[in-house]
Amino acid sequence: MSETVTLSLEDRQALQSGQSVAVTEFTSQMQCVILRADIFEQIKKRVSDLDPRNTYSAVDKVMSEDWDDPKMAEYDDYESLQK
């Protein structure tokens, strides 16, 4: 299913140095990026390890002063105010 792509010398040098190469698919004009497989795997691992639940305590600490503000009570009842 894959097609062979011929890269310019500059693109090959960029990939060898760990940079990405932007390309446009000819038929659909879809914008794509070419990365070395080892760099792609590193990125994929880092992204898959992210869990937003790990940020909850930090968000609570940073936002606690605002959430405890009496003016924020309107947000607790936001849906009823939309009628």
Protein backbone atom coordinates (compact mmCIF):
# COMPACT_ATOMS: atom_id res chain seq x y z
CA MET A 1 0.00 0.00 0.00
CA SER A 2 2.93 2.35 0.61
CA GLU A 3 4.42 4.22 -2.28
CA THR A 4 8.07 5.01 -2.63
CA VAL A 5 8.86 8.68 -2.14
CA THR A 6 11.97 10.31 -3.51
CA LEU A 7 13.34 12.95 -1.15
CA SER A 8 15.66 15.80 -2.00
CA LEU A 9 19.17 15.88 -0.59
CA GLU A 10 18.06 18.63 1.82
CA ASP A 11 15.11 16.53 3.04
CA ARG A 12 17.34 13.48 3.56
CA GLN A 13 19.85 15.58 5.50
CA ALA A 14 17.05 17.03 7.64
CA LEU A 15 15.76 13.55 8.46
CA GLN A 16 19.26 12.29 9.24
CA SER A 17 19.72 15.14 11.72
CA GLY A 18 16.42 14.33 13.44
CA GLN A 19 14.30 17.05 11.88
CA SER A 20 10.89 16.54 10.34
CA VAL A 21 10.05 17.14 6.68
CA ALA A 22 6.73 18.68 5.64
CA VAL A 23 5.13 17.22 2.52
CA THR A 24 1.87 17.64 0.63
CA GLU A 25 0.10 14.57 -0.72
CA PHE A 26 -0.40 15.26 -4.42
CA THR A 27 -3.96 14.05 -5.00
CA SER A 28 -5.74 15.33 -1.88
CA GLN A 29 -3.34 18.17 -1.03
CA MET A 30 -3.28 16.78 2.52
CA GLN A 31 -0.46 18.24 4.63
CA CYS A 32 1.77 15.57 6.19
CA VAL A 33 5.02 15.32 8.12
CA ILE A 34 7.74 12.73 7.65
CA LEU A 35 9.73 11.69 10.74
CA ARG A 36 12.36 9.07 11.31
CA ALA A 37 10.75 5.97 12.79
CA ASP A 38 12.85 6.11 15.97
CA ILE A 39 11.77 9.69 16.66
CA PHE A 40 8.14 8.86 15.93
CA GLU A 41 8.29 5.99 18.44
CA GLN A 42 9.76 8.30 21.11
CA ILE A 43 6.97 10.83 20.58
CA LYS A 44 4.30 8.13 20.54
CA LYS A 45 5.56 6.71 23.84
CA ARG A 46 5.61 10.11 25.53
CA VAL A 47 2.10 10.95 24.36
CA SER A 48 0.67 7.57 25.36
CA ASP A 49 2.12 8.00 28.86
CA LEU A 50 0.19 11.23 29.41
CA ASP A 51 -2.75 10.93 31.76
CA PRO A 52 -4.72 14.10 32.50
CA ARG A 53 -5.63 12.70 35.93
CA ASN A 54 -2.01 13.30 36.91
CA THR A 55 -2.67 17.05 36.69
CA TYR A 56 -5.79 17.19 38.89
CA SER A 57 -4.02 18.02 42.15
CA ALA A 58 -1.94 20.78 40.53
CA VAL A 59 -5.04 22.29 38.88
CA ASP A 60 -6.93 22.17 42.18
CA LYS A 61 -4.07 23.96 43.94
CA VAL A 62 -3.72 26.67 41.29
CA MET A 63 -7.45 27.27 40.88
CA SER A 64 -8.59 26.88 44.52
CA GLU A 65 -8.58 30.61 45.22
CA ASP A 66 -10.77 31.31 42.18
CA TRP A 67 -13.09 28.37 42.78
CA ASP A 68 -13.69 29.47 46.36
CA ASP A 69 -14.59 33.01 45.26
CA PRO A 70 -18.34 33.65 45.91
CA LYS A 71 -18.66 35.19 42.43
CA MET A 72 -17.88 31.79 40.95
CA ALA A 73 -21.14 30.37 42.34
CA GLU A 74 -22.82 31.39 39.08
CA TYR A 75 -20.77 28.71 37.30
CA ASP A 76 -22.15 26.05 39.63
CA ASP A 77 -25.63 26.93 38.41
CA TYR A 78 -24.68 27.74 34.80
CA GLU A 79 -27.25 25.48 33.12
CA SER A 80 -30.22 27.03 34.91
CA LEU A 81 -29.05 30.50 33.89
CA GLN A 82 -29.18 29.53 30.19
CA LYS A 83 -32.99 29.36 30.07
